[in-house]
Amino acid sequence: MFKGIGNLASIVKQAQQMSTNLQAAQESLKGQRAVGRAGADMVEVEVNGLGQVLRITLDQGLVERGDREMLEDLIPAAVNQALAKAKELHRDALKEMTGGISFPPLDDLLAQVDT
């Protein structure tokens, strides 16, 4: 009657450990930084490993010229570059957490949870 209880306890313990590891990875990613640049470094965007934008730096000359159209082109390019690097940090953290084994559906699911 109680034949599967040992397995169930093991599964629950593994799930709890995975949750703890996931929280640690989230904290680590929050402290990591990635930078994206565009327009010969006239625009720089810094994000953390969770993909949260932390800082945008604009070249003073670019601002003084008031070239709105160029800013509208360069800012998204720099943001997208920084976010791509943050996604790589996230992917690396998941690989480390899973012992180097990649689980594409799990990676995609966790990426959706983080954003």
PDB file of N, CA and C in Angstrom:
ATOM      1  N   MET A   1       0.813  -1.199   0.000  1.00  0.00           N
ATOM      2  CA  MET A   1       0.000   0.000   0.000  1.00  0.00           C
ATOM      3  C   MET A   1       0.858   1.265   0.000  1.00  0.00           C
ATOM      4  N   PHE A   2       1.993   1.246   0.714  1.00  0.00           N
ATOM      5  CA  PHE A   2       2.856   2.427   0.786  1.00  0.00           C
ATOM      6  C   PHE A   2       4.104   2.293  -0.081  1.00  0.00           C
ATOM      7  N   LYS A   3       3.985   1.496  -1.117  1.00  0.00           N
ATOM      8  CA  LYS A   3       5.121   1.156  -1.956  1.00  0.00           C
ATOM      9  C   LYS A   3       5.731   2.386  -2.645  1.00  0.00           C
ATOM     10  N   GLY A   4       4.963   3.317  -3.122  1.00  0.00           N
ATOM     11  CA  GLY A   4       5.474   4.464  -3.870  1.00  0.00           C
ATOM     12  C   GLY A   4       5.791   5.682  -3.045  1.00  0.00           C
ATOM     13  N   ILE A   5       5.612   5.643  -1.744  1.00  0.00           N
ATOM     14  CA  ILE A   5       5.833   6.820  -0.897  1.00  0.00           C
ATOM     15  C   ILE A   5       7.299   7.233  -0.897  1.00  0.00           C
ATOM     16  N   GLY A   6       8.211   6.274  -0.912  1.00  0.00           N
ATOM     17  CA  GLY A   6       9.643   6.601  -0.946  1.00  0.00           C
ATOM     18  C   GLY A   6       9.994   7.372  -2.195  1.00  0.00           C
ATOM     19  N   ASN A   7       9.457   6.961  -3.330  1.00  0.00           N
ATOM     20  CA  ASN A   7       9.706   7.672  -4.580  1.00  0.00           C
ATOM     21  C   ASN A   7       9.089   9.061  -4.558  1.00  0.00           C
ATOM     22  N   LEU A   8       7.897   9.170  -4.012  1.00  0.00           N
ATOM     23  CA  LEU A   8       7.215  10.463  -3.944  1.00  0.00           C
ATOM     24  C   LEU A   8       8.007  11.437  -3.071  1.00  0.00           C
ATOM     25  N   ALA A   9       8.509  10.943  -1.943  1.00  0.00           N
ATOM     26  CA  ALA A   9       9.315  11.796  -1.065  1.00  0.00           C
ATOM     27  C   ALA A   9      10.578  12.259  -1.773  1.00  0.00           C
ATOM     28  N   SER A  10      11.180  11.390  -2.555  1.00  0.00           N
ATOM     29  CA  SER A  10      12.378  11.742  -3.308  1.00  0.00           C
ATOM     30  C   SER A  10      12.061  12.800  -4.365  1.00  0.00           C
ATOM     31  N   ILE A  11      10.945  12.646  -5.029  1.00  0.00           N
ATOM     32  CA  ILE A  11      10.540  13.624  -6.057  1.00  0.00           C
ATOM     33  C   ILE A  11      10.271  14.980  -5.426  1.00  0.00           C
ATOM     34  N   VAL A  12       9.593  14.993  -4.282  1.00  0.00           N
ATOM     35  CA  VAL A  12       9.297  16.257  -3.582  1.00  0.00           C
ATOM     36  C   VAL A  12      10.603  16.915  -3.151  1.00  0.00           C
ATOM     37  N   LYS A  13      11.529  16.125  -2.654  1.00  0.00           N
ATOM     38  CA  LYS A  13      12.823  16.674  -2.224  1.00  0.00           C
ATOM     39  C   LYS A  13      13.582  17.267  -3.402  1.00  0.00           C
ATOM     40  N   GLN A  14      13.553  16.582  -4.545  1.00  0.00           N
ATOM     41  CA  GLN A  14      14.221  17.100  -5.742  1.00  0.00           C
ATOM     42  C   GLN A  14      13.562  18.391  -6.230  1.00  0.00           C
ATOM     43  N   ALA A  15      12.246  18.449  -6.147  1.00  0.00           N
ATOM     44  CA  ALA A  15      11.526  19.659  -6.569  1.00  0.00           C
ATOM     45  C   ALA A  15      11.890  20.832  -5.661  1.00  0.00           C
ATOM     46  N   GLN A  16      11.994  20.570  -4.360  1.00  0.00           N
ATOM     47  CA  GLN A  16      12.377  21.630  -3.425  1.00  0.00           C
ATOM     48  C   GLN A  16      13.807  22.112  -3.705  1.00  0.00           C
ATOM     49  N   GLN A  17      14.697  21.172  -4.009  1.00  0.00           N
ATOM     50  CA  GLN A  17      16.080  21.547  -4.318  1.00  0.00           C
ATOM     51  C   GLN A  17      16.134  22.360  -5.607  1.00  0.00           C
ATOM     52  N   MET A  18      15.348  21.963  -6.592  1.00  0.00           N
ATOM     53  CA  MET A  18      15.300  22.694  -7.867  1.00  0.00           C
ATOM     54  C   MET A  18      14.783  24.103  -7.636  1.00  0.00           C
ATOM     55  N   SER A  19      13.775  24.256  -6.796  1.00  0.00           N
ATOM     56  CA  SER A  19      13.236  25.583  -6.484  1.00  0.00           C
ATOM     57  C   SER A  19      14.291  26.451  -5.809  1.00  0.00           C
ATOM     58  N   THR A  20      15.025  25.865  -4.879  1.00  0.00           N
ATOM     59  CA  THR A  20      16.097  26.603  -4.195  1.00  0.00           C
ATOM     60  C   THR A  20      17.176  27.018  -5.191  1.00  0.00           C
ATOM     61  N   ASN A  21      17.558  26.103  -6.074  1.00  0.00           N
ATOM     62  CA  ASN A  21      18.573  26.415  -7.084  1.00  0.00           C
ATOM     63  C   ASN A  21      18.093  27.494  -8.045  1.00  0.00           C
ATOM     64  N   LEU A  22      16.818  27.445  -8.398  1.00  0.00           N
ATOM     65  CA  LEU A  22      16.254  28.444  -9.306  1.00  0.00           C
ATOM     66  C   LEU A  22      16.272  29.831  -8.667  1.00  0.00           C
ATOM     67  N   GLN A  23      15.924  29.905  -7.387  1.00  0.00           N
ATOM     68  CA  GLN A  23      15.955  31.192  -6.689  1.00  0.00           C
ATOM     69  C   GLN A  23      17.375  31.735  -6.605  1.00  0.00           C
ATOM     70  N   ALA A  24      18.343  30.848  -6.360  1.00  0.00           N
ATOM     71  CA  ALA A  24      19.747  31.279  -6.306  1.00  0.00           C
ATOM     72  C   ALA A  24      20.201  31.790  -7.670  1.00  0.00           C
ATOM     73  N   ALA A  25      19.776  31.096  -8.733  1.00  0.00           N
ATOM     74  CA  ALA A  25      20.143  31.534 -10.082  1.00  0.00           C
ATOM     75  C   ALA A  25      19.527  32.898 -10.388  1.00  0.00           C
ATOM     76  N   GLN A  26      18.292  33.103  -9.967  1.00  0.00           N
ATOM     77  CA  GLN A  26      17.625  34.401 -10.190  1.00  0.00           C
ATOM     78  C   GLN A  26      18.387  35.524  -9.486  1.00  0.00           C
ATOM     79  N   GLU A  27      18.802  35.280  -8.259  1.00  0.00           N
ATOM     80  CA  GLU A  27      19.558  36.293  -7.509  1.00  0.00           C
ATOM     81  C   GLU A  27      20.890  36.580  -8.184  1.00  0.00           C
ATOM     82  N   SER A  28      21.547  35.520  -8.650  1.00  0.00           N
ATOM     83  CA  SER A  28      22.819  35.698  -9.335  1.00  0.00           C
ATOM     84  C   SER A  28      22.629  36.510 -10.611  1.00  0.00           C
ATOM     85  N   LEU A  29      21.606  36.179 -11.387  1.00  0.00           N
ATOM     86  CA  LEU A  29      21.346  36.903 -12.636  1.00  0.00           C
ATOM     87  C   LEU A  29      21.015  38.367 -12.373  1.00  0.00           C
ATOM     88  N   LYS A  30      20.351  38.621 -11.279  1.00  0.00           N
ATOM     89  CA  LYS A  30      19.992  40.009 -10.940  1.00  0.00           C
ATOM     90  C   LYS A  30      21.246  40.861 -10.726  1.00  0.00           C
ATOM     91  N   GLY A  31      22.326  40.228 -10.261  1.00  0.00           N
ATOM     92  CA  GLY A  31      23.566  40.961 -10.016  1.00  0.00           C
ATOM     93  C   GLY A  31      24.509  41.009 -11.205  1.00  0.00           C
ATOM     94  N   GLN A  32      24.222  40.239 -12.244  1.00  0.00           N
ATOM     95  CA  GLN A  32      25.092  40.244 -13.419  1.00  0.00           C
ATOM     96  C   GLN A  32      24.682  41.362 -14.375  1.00  0.00           C
ATOM     97  N   ARG A  33      25.638  41.814 -15.177  1.00  0.00           N
ATOM     98  CA  ARG A  33      25.385  42.934 -16.088  1.00  0.00           C
ATOM     99  C   ARG A  33      25.756  42.564 -17.516  1.00  0.00           C
ATOM    100  N   ALA A  34      25.002  43.134 -18.456  1.00  0.00           N
ATOM    101  CA  ALA A  34      25.304  43.018 -19.884  1.00  0.00           C
ATOM    102  C   ALA A  34      25.108  44.401 -20.489  1.00  0.00           C
ATOM    103  N   VAL A  35      25.937  44.719 -21.471  1.00  0.00           N
ATOM    104  CA  VAL A  35      25.881  46.044 -22.088  1.00  0.00           C
ATOM    105  C   VAL A  35      25.682  45.896 -23.590  1.00  0.00           C
ATOM    106  N   GLY A  36      24.805  46.733 -24.125  1.00  0.00           N
ATOM    107  CA  GLY A  36      24.596  46.806 -25.567  1.00  0.00           C
ATOM    108  C   GLY A  36      24.958  48.202 -26.043  1.00  0.00           C
ATOM    109  N   ARG A  37      25.570  48.274 -27.224  1.00  0.00           N
ATOM    110  CA  ARG A  37      25.986  49.582 -27.763  1.00  0.00           C
ATOM    111  C   ARG A  37      25.540  49.690 -29.210  1.00  0.00           C
ATOM    112  N   ALA A  38      25.323  50.943 -29.617  1.00  0.00           N
ATOM    113  CA  ALA A  38      24.951  51.197 -31.015  1.00  0.00           C
ATOM    114  C   ALA A  38      25.488  52.560 -31.429  1.00  0.00           C
ATOM    115  N   GLY A  39      25.620  52.749 -32.743  1.00  0.00           N
ATOM    116  CA  GLY A  39      26.054  54.046 -33.270  1.00  0.00           C
ATOM    117  C   GLY A  39      27.464  54.405 -32.838  1.00  0.00           C
ATOM    118  N   ALA A  40      28.390  53.476 -32.994  1.00  0.00           N
ATOM    119  CA  ALA A  40      29.786  53.721 -32.588  1.00  0.00           C
ATOM    120  C   ALA A  40      29.852  54.157 -31.125  1.00  0.00           C
ATOM    121  N   ASP A  41      29.117  53.448 -30.295  1.00  0.00           N
ATOM    122  CA  ASP A  41      29.072  53.668 -28.836  1.00  0.00           C
ATOM    123  C   ASP A  41      28.405  54.983 -28.434  1.00  0.00           C
ATOM    124  N   MET A  42      27.667  55.615 -29.335  1.00  0.00           N
ATOM    125  CA  MET A  42      26.968  56.849 -28.957  1.00  0.00           C
ATOM    126  C   MET A  42      25.792  56.547 -28.026  1.00  0.00           C
ATOM    127  N   VAL A  43      25.293  55.325 -28.081  1.00  0.00           N
ATOM    128  CA  VAL A  43      24.213  54.889 -27.185  1.00  0.00           C
ATOM    129  C   VAL A  43      24.676  53.614 -26.500  1.00  0.00           C
ATOM    130  N   GLU A  44      24.557  53.599 -25.177  1.00  0.00           N
ATOM    131  CA  GLU A  44      24.936  52.419 -24.404  1.00  0.00           C
ATOM    132  C   GLU A  44      23.801  52.084 -23.449  1.00  0.00           C
ATOM    133  N   VAL A  45      23.456  50.818 -23.406  1.00  0.00           N
ATOM    134  CA  VAL A  45      22.377  50.351 -22.535  1.00  0.00           C
ATOM    135  C   VAL A  45      22.922  49.232 -21.650  1.00  0.00           C
ATOM    136  N   GLU A  46      22.652  49.341 -20.359  1.00  0.00           N
ATOM    137  CA  GLU A  46      23.070  48.306 -19.412  1.00  0.00           C
ATOM    138  C   GLU A  46      21.825  47.616 -18.859  1.00  0.00           C
ATOM    139  N   VAL A  47      21.856  46.293 -18.869  1.00  0.00           N
ATOM    140  CA  VAL A  47      20.764  45.497 -18.307  1.00  0.00           C
ATOM    141  C   VAL A  47      21.355  44.513 -17.309  1.00  0.00           C
ATOM    142  N   ASN A  48      20.494  43.955 -16.458  1.00  0.00           N
ATOM    143  CA  ASN A  48      20.982  42.885 -15.584  1.00  0.00           C
ATOM    144  C   ASN A  48      20.664  41.541 -16.239  1.00  0.00           C
ATOM    145  N   GLY A  49      21.074  40.474 -15.605  1.00  0.00           N
ATOM    146  CA  GLY A  49      20.886  39.149 -16.176  1.00  0.00           C
ATOM    147  C   GLY A  49      19.433  38.729 -16.297  1.00  0.00           C
ATOM    148  N   LEU A  50      18.531  39.446 -15.660  1.00  0.00           N
ATOM    149  CA  LEU A  50      17.103  39.179 -15.787  1.00  0.00           C
ATOM    150  C   LEU A  50      16.484  39.938 -16.945  1.00  0.00           C
ATOM    151  N   GLY A  51      17.305  40.791 -17.600  1.00  0.00           N
ATOM    152  CA  GLY A  51      16.802  41.561 -18.730  1.00  0.00           C
ATOM    153  C   GLY A  51      16.152  42.877 -18.348  1.00  0.00           C
ATOM    154  N   GLN A  52      16.368  43.322 -17.135  1.00  0.00           N
ATOM    155  CA  GLN A  52      15.821  44.609 -16.705  1.00  0.00           C
ATOM    156  C   GLN A  52      16.790  45.717 -17.113  1.00  0.00           C
ATOM    157  N   VAL A  53      16.296  46.733 -17.796  1.00  0.00           N
ATOM    158  CA  VAL A  53      17.133  47.853 -18.220  1.00  0.00           C
ATOM    159  C   VAL A  53      17.500  48.670 -16.986  1.00  0.00           C
ATOM    160  N   LEU A  54      18.811  48.864 -16.779  1.00  0.00           N
ATOM    161  CA  LEU A  54      19.296  49.583 -15.606  1.00  0.00           C
ATOM    162  C   LEU A  54      19.737  51.001 -15.927  1.00  0.00           C
ATOM    163  N   ARG A  55      20.286  51.183 -17.142  1.00  0.00           N
ATOM    164  CA  ARG A  55      20.852  52.496 -17.463  1.00  0.00           C
ATOM    165  C   ARG A  55      20.933  52.654 -18.978  1.00  0.00           C
ATOM    166  N   ILE A  56      20.658  53.875 -19.433  1.00  0.00           N
ATOM    167  CA  ILE A  56      20.856  54.232 -20.839  1.00  0.00           C
ATOM    168  C   ILE A  56      21.727  55.477 -20.854  1.00  0.00           C
ATOM    169  N   THR A  57      22.837  55.399 -21.583  1.00  0.00           N
ATOM    170  CA  THR A  57      23.744  56.541 -21.696  1.00  0.00           C
ATOM    171  C   THR A  57      23.765  56.998 -23.154  1.00  0.00           C
ATOM    172  N   LEU A  58      23.551  58.322 -23.339  1.00  0.00           N
ATOM    173  CA  LEU A  58      23.547  58.898 -24.681  1.00  0.00           C
ATOM    174  C   LEU A  58      24.730  59.832 -24.819  1.00  0.00           C
ATOM    175  N   ASP A  59      25.405  59.777 -25.955  1.00  0.00           N
ATOM    176  CA  ASP A  59      26.509  60.682 -26.244  1.00  0.00           C
ATOM    177  C   ASP A  59      25.977  62.124 -26.230  1.00  0.00           C
ATOM    178  N   GLN A  60      26.710  63.008 -25.550  1.00  0.00           N
ATOM    179  CA  GLN A  60      26.261  64.402 -25.424  1.00  0.00           C
ATOM    180  C   GLN A  60      26.086  65.058 -26.790  1.00  0.00           C
ATOM    181  N   GLY A  61      27.007  64.781 -27.709  1.00  0.00           N
ATOM    182  CA  GLY A  61      26.910  65.369 -29.049  1.00  0.00           C
ATOM    183  C   GLY A  61      25.662  64.916 -29.776  1.00  0.00           C
ATOM    184  N   LEU A  62      25.310  63.681 -29.576  1.00  0.00           N
ATOM    185  CA  LEU A  62      24.101  63.138 -30.207  1.00  0.00           C
ATOM    186  C   LEU A  62      22.865  63.845 -29.674  1.00  0.00           C
ATOM    187  N   VAL A  63      22.859  64.114 -28.387  1.00  0.00           N
ATOM    188  CA  VAL A  63      21.716  64.801 -27.776  1.00  0.00           C
ATOM    189  C   VAL A  63      21.655  66.253 -28.255  1.00  0.00           C
ATOM    190  N   GLU A  64      22.827  66.911 -28.295  1.00  0.00           N
ATOM    191  CA  GLU A  64      22.865  68.326 -28.695  1.00  0.00           C
ATOM    192  C   GLU A  64      22.423  68.525 -30.146  1.00  0.00           C
ATOM    193  N   ARG A  65      22.716  67.550 -30.987  1.00  0.00           N
ATOM    194  CA  ARG A  65      22.278  67.663 -32.390  1.00  0.00           C
ATOM    195  C   ARG A  65      20.758  67.527 -32.500  1.00  0.00           C
ATOM    196  N   GLY A  66      20.165  66.929 -31.486  1.00  0.00           N
ATOM    197  CA  GLY A  66      18.710  66.790 -31.476  1.00  0.00           C
ATOM    198  C   GLY A  66      18.200  65.915 -32.614  1.00  0.00           C
ATOM    199  N   ASP A  67      19.002  64.954 -32.993  1.00  0.00           N
ATOM    200  CA  ASP A  67      18.617  64.073 -34.086  1.00  0.00           C
ATOM    201  C   ASP A  67      17.700  62.971 -33.553  1.00  0.00           C
ATOM    202  N   ARG A  68      16.455  63.305 -33.441  1.00  0.00           N
ATOM    203  CA  ARG A  68      15.467  62.407 -32.866  1.00  0.00           C
ATOM    204  C   ARG A  68      15.379  61.081 -33.633  1.00  0.00           C
ATOM    205  N   GLU A  69      15.423  61.166 -34.941  1.00  0.00           N
ATOM    206  CA  GLU A  69      15.291  59.957 -35.747  1.00  0.00           C
ATOM    207  C   GLU A  69      16.452  58.990 -35.482  1.00  0.00           C
ATOM    208  N   MET A  70      17.665  59.540 -35.350  1.00  0.00           N
ATOM    209  CA  MET A  70      18.813  58.688 -35.077  1.00  0.00           C
ATOM    210  C   MET A  70      18.680  58.045 -33.695  1.00  0.00           C
ATOM    211  N   LEU A  71      18.245  58.834 -32.716  1.00  0.00           N
ATOM    212  CA  LEU A  71      18.026  58.272 -31.374  1.00  0.00           C
ATOM    213  C   LEU A  71      16.991  57.155 -31.414  1.00  0.00           C
ATOM    214  N   GLU A  72      15.946  57.366 -32.175  1.00  0.00           N
ATOM    215  CA  GLU A  72      14.889  56.352 -32.275  1.00  0.00           C
ATOM    216  C   GLU A  72      15.398  55.068 -32.928  1.00  0.00           C
ATOM    217  N   ASP A  73      16.441  55.177 -33.741  1.00  0.00           N
ATOM    218  CA  ASP A  73      17.045  53.985 -34.354  1.00  0.00           C
ATOM    219  C   ASP A  73      18.069  53.332 -33.431  1.00  0.00           C
ATOM    220  N   LEU A  74      18.891  54.151 -32.780  1.00  0.00           N
ATOM    221  CA  LEU A  74      20.016  53.619 -32.005  1.00  0.00           C
ATOM    222  C   LEU A  74      19.596  53.018 -30.666  1.00  0.00           C
ATOM    223  N   ILE A  75      18.641  53.622 -30.001  1.00  0.00           N
ATOM    224  CA  ILE A  75      18.232  53.118 -28.675  1.00  0.00           C
ATOM    225  C   ILE A  75      17.688  51.690 -28.767  1.00  0.00           C
ATOM    226  N   PRO A  76      16.753  51.408 -29.670  1.00  0.00           N
ATOM    227  CA  PRO A  76      16.289  50.012 -29.742  1.00  0.00           C
ATOM    228  C   PRO A  76      17.401  49.032 -30.127  1.00  0.00           C
ATOM    229  N   ALA A  77      18.315  49.464 -30.991  1.00  0.00           N
ATOM    230  CA  ALA A  77      19.418  48.572 -31.380  1.00  0.00           C
ATOM    231  C   ALA A  77      20.284  48.227 -30.171  1.00  0.00           C
ATOM    232  N   ALA A  78      20.608  49.228 -29.360  1.00  0.00           N
ATOM    233  CA  ALA A  78      21.431  48.988 -28.174  1.00  0.00           C
ATOM    234  C   ALA A  78      20.664  48.151 -27.142  1.00  0.00           C
ATOM    235  N   VAL A  79      19.386  48.429 -26.964  1.00  0.00           N
ATOM    236  CA  VAL A  79      18.562  47.657 -26.019  1.00  0.00           C
ATOM    237  C   VAL A  79      18.496  46.193 -26.457  1.00  0.00           C
ATOM    238  N   ASN A  80      18.250  45.978 -27.726  1.00  0.00           N
ATOM    239  CA  ASN A  80      18.147  44.599 -28.222  1.00  0.00           C
ATOM    240  C   ASN A  80      19.464  43.845 -28.066  1.00  0.00           C
ATOM    241  N   GLN A  81      20.574  44.523 -28.297  1.00  0.00           N
ATOM    242  CA  GLN A  81      21.870  43.879 -28.132  1.00  0.00           C
ATOM    243  C   GLN A  81      22.087  43.508 -26.662  1.00  0.00           C
ATOM    244  N   ALA A  82      21.785  44.421 -25.765  1.00  0.00           N
ATOM    245  CA  ALA A  82      21.958  44.145 -24.331  1.00  0.00           C
ATOM    246  C   ALA A  82      21.046  43.002 -23.881  1.00  0.00           C
ATOM    247  N   LEU A  83      19.812  42.993 -24.362  1.00  0.00           N
ATOM    248  CA  LEU A  83      18.875  41.928 -23.978  1.00  0.00           C
ATOM    249  C   LEU A  83      19.312  40.568 -24.519  1.00  0.00           C
ATOM    250  N   ALA A  84      19.903  40.559 -25.702  1.00  0.00           N
ATOM    251  CA  ALA A  84      20.417  39.295 -26.254  1.00  0.00           C
ATOM    252  C   ALA A  84      21.551  38.760 -25.373  1.00  0.00           C
ATOM    253  N   LYS A  85      22.397  39.651 -24.901  1.00  0.00           N
ATOM    254  CA  LYS A  85      23.482  39.226 -24.006  1.00  0.00           C
ATOM    255  C   LYS A  85      22.919  38.744 -22.666  1.00  0.00           C
ATOM    256  N   ALA A  86      21.890  39.419 -22.160  1.00  0.00           N
ATOM    257  CA  ALA A  86      21.258  38.989 -20.905  1.00  0.00           C
ATOM    258  C   ALA A  86      20.630  37.610 -21.070  1.00  0.00           C
ATOM    259  N   LYS A  87      20.034  37.373 -22.216  1.00  0.00           N
ATOM    260  CA  LYS A  87      19.427  36.067 -22.479  1.00  0.00           C
ATOM    261  C   LYS A  87      20.499  34.984 -22.485  1.00  0.00           C
ATOM    262  N   GLU A  88      21.679  35.307 -22.989  1.00  0.00           N
ATOM    263  CA  GLU A  88      22.789  34.351 -22.980  1.00  0.00           C
ATOM    264  C   GLU A  88      23.225  34.055 -21.541  1.00  0.00           C
ATOM    265  N   LEU A  89      23.280  35.095 -20.707  1.00  0.00           N
ATOM    266  CA  LEU A  89      23.607  34.885 -19.290  1.00  0.00           C
ATOM    267  C   LEU A  89      22.576  33.954 -18.647  1.00  0.00           C
ATOM    268  N   HIS A  90      21.320  34.179 -18.988  1.00  0.00           N
ATOM    269  CA  HIS A  90      20.232  33.373 -18.448  1.00  0.00           C
ATOM    270  C   HIS A  90      20.382  31.928 -18.888  1.00  0.00           C
ATOM    271  N   ARG A  91      20.673  31.730 -20.157  1.00  0.00           N
ATOM    272  CA  ARG A  91      20.848  30.379 -20.708  1.00  0.00           C
ATOM    273  C   ARG A  91      22.016  29.668 -20.008  1.00  0.00           C
ATOM    274  N   ASP A  92      23.120  30.392 -19.811  1.00  0.00           N
ATOM    275  CA  ASP A  92      24.285  29.810 -19.135  1.00  0.00           C
ATOM    276  C   ASP A  92      23.944  29.407 -17.699  1.00  0.00           C
ATOM    277  N   ALA A  93      23.168  30.236 -17.016  1.00  0.00           N
ATOM    278  CA  ALA A  93      22.780  29.928 -15.633  1.00  0.00           C
ATOM    279  C   ALA A  93      21.927  28.664 -15.581  1.00  0.00           C
ATOM    280  N   LEU A  94      21.024  28.519 -16.544  1.00  0.00           N
ATOM    281  CA  LEU A  94      20.182  27.320 -16.582  1.00  0.00           C
ATOM    282  C   LEU A  94      21.003  26.075 -16.874  1.00  0.00           C
ATOM    283  N   LYS A  95      21.971  26.200 -17.776  1.00  0.00           N
ATOM    284  CA  LYS A  95      22.833  25.058 -18.081  1.00  0.00           C
ATOM    285  C   LYS A  95      23.608  24.640 -16.841  1.00  0.00           C
ATOM    286  N   GLU A  96      24.103  25.631 -16.110  1.00  0.00           N
ATOM    287  CA  GLU A  96      24.858  25.324 -14.893  1.00  0.00           C
ATOM    288  C   GLU A  96      23.960  24.639 -13.870  1.00  0.00           C
ATOM    289  N   MET A  97      22.723  25.129 -13.780  1.00  0.00           N
ATOM    290  CA  MET A  97      21.782  24.577 -12.808  1.00  0.00           C
ATOM    291  C   MET A  97      21.391  23.141 -13.151  1.00  0.00           C
ATOM    292  N   THR A  98      21.360  22.823 -14.449  1.00  0.00           N
ATOM    293  CA  THR A  98      20.939  21.484 -14.873  1.00  0.00           C
ATOM    294  C   THR A  98      22.136  20.590 -15.177  1.00  0.00           C
ATOM    295  N   GLY A  99      23.320  21.013 -14.763  1.00  0.00           N
ATOM    296  CA  GLY A  99      24.512  20.194 -14.964  1.00  0.00           C
ATOM    297  C   GLY A  99      24.949  20.123 -16.409  1.00  0.00           C
ATOM    298  N   GLY A 100      24.679  21.174 -17.174  1.00  0.00           N
ATOM    299  CA  GLY A 100      25.112  21.230 -18.563  1.00  0.00           C
ATOM    300  C   GLY A 100      24.133  20.628 -19.544  1.00  0.00           C
ATOM    301  N   ILE A 101      23.073  20.053 -19.028  1.00  0.00           N
ATOM    302  CA  ILE A 101      22.064  19.467 -19.917  1.00  0.00           C
ATOM    303  C   ILE A 101      21.062  20.548 -20.287  1.00  0.00           C
ATOM    304  N   SER A 102      20.835  20.694 -21.571  1.00  0.00           N
ATOM    305  CA  SER A 102      19.896  21.701 -22.035  1.00  0.00           C
ATOM    306  C   SER A 102      18.522  21.076 -22.211  1.00  0.00           C
ATOM    307  N   PHE A 103      17.528  21.741 -21.653  1.00  0.00           N
ATOM    308  CA  PHE A 103      16.142  21.319 -21.802  1.00  0.00           C
ATOM    309  C   PHE A 103      15.398  22.443 -22.499  1.00  0.00           C
ATOM    310  N   PRO A 104      15.382  22.432 -23.836  1.00  0.00           N
ATOM    311  CA  PRO A 104      14.768  23.555 -24.564  1.00  0.00           C
ATOM    312  C   PRO A 104      13.380  23.952 -24.078  1.00  0.00           C
ATOM    313  N   PRO A 105      12.458  22.987 -23.845  1.00  0.00           N
ATOM    314  CA  PRO A 105      11.143  23.428 -23.359  1.00  0.00           C
ATOM    315  C   PRO A 105      11.237  24.101 -21.983  1.00  0.00           C
ATOM    316  N   LEU A 106      12.120  23.581 -21.102  1.00  0.00           N
ATOM    317  CA  LEU A 106      12.283  24.190 -19.786  1.00  0.00           C
ATOM    318  C   LEU A 106      12.915  25.574 -19.920  1.00  0.00           C
ATOM    319  N   ASP A 107      13.920  25.691 -20.797  1.00  0.00           N
ATOM    320  CA  ASP A 107      14.555  26.996 -21.021  1.00  0.00           C
ATOM    321  C   ASP A 107      13.525  28.027 -21.475  1.00  0.00           C
ATOM    322  N   ASP A 108      12.694  27.633 -22.432  1.00  0.00           N
ATOM    323  CA  ASP A 108      11.683  28.558 -22.955  1.00  0.00           C
ATOM    324  C   ASP A 108      10.667  28.919 -21.883  1.00  0.00           C
ATOM    325  N   LEU A 109      10.262  27.923 -21.105  1.00  0.00           N
ATOM    326  CA  LEU A 109       9.279  28.164 -20.047  1.00  0.00           C
ATOM    327  C   LEU A 109       9.840  29.124 -19.001  1.00  0.00           C
ATOM    328  N   LEU A 110      11.072  28.884 -18.563  1.00  0.00           N
ATOM    329  CA  LEU A 110      11.676  29.747 -17.556  1.00  0.00           C
ATOM    330  C   LEU A 110      11.931  31.143 -18.094  1.00  0.00           C
ATOM    331  N   ALA A 111      12.271  31.249 -19.359  1.00  0.00           N
ATOM    332  CA  ALA A 111      12.484  32.575 -19.960  1.00  0.00           C
ATOM    333  C   ALA A 111      11.191  33.365 -19.947  1.00  0.00           C
ATOM    334  N   GLN A 112      10.072  32.698 -20.141  1.00  0.00           N
ATOM    335  CA  GLN A 112       8.785  33.387 -20.118  1.00  0.00           C
ATOM    336  C   GLN A 112       8.415  33.815 -18.708  1.00  0.00           C
ATOM    337  N   VAL A 113       8.783  33.029 -17.720  1.00  0.00           N
ATOM    338  CA  VAL A 113       8.472  33.355 -16.332  1.00  0.00           C
ATOM    339  C   VAL A 113       9.251  34.580 -15.895  1.00  0.00           C
ATOM    340  N   ASP A 114      10.489  34.703 -16.356  1.00  0.00           N
ATOM    341  CA  ASP A 114      11.355  35.794 -15.930  1.00  0.00           C
ATOM    342  C   ASP A 114      10.959  37.134 -16.520  1.00  0.00           C
ATOM    343  N   THR A 115      10.336  37.154 -17.664  1.00  0.00           N
ATOM    344  CA  THR A 115      10.061  38.433 -18.317  1.00  0.00           C
ATOM    345  C   THR A 115       8.710  38.962 -17.983  1.00  0.00           C
TER     346      THR A 115
END
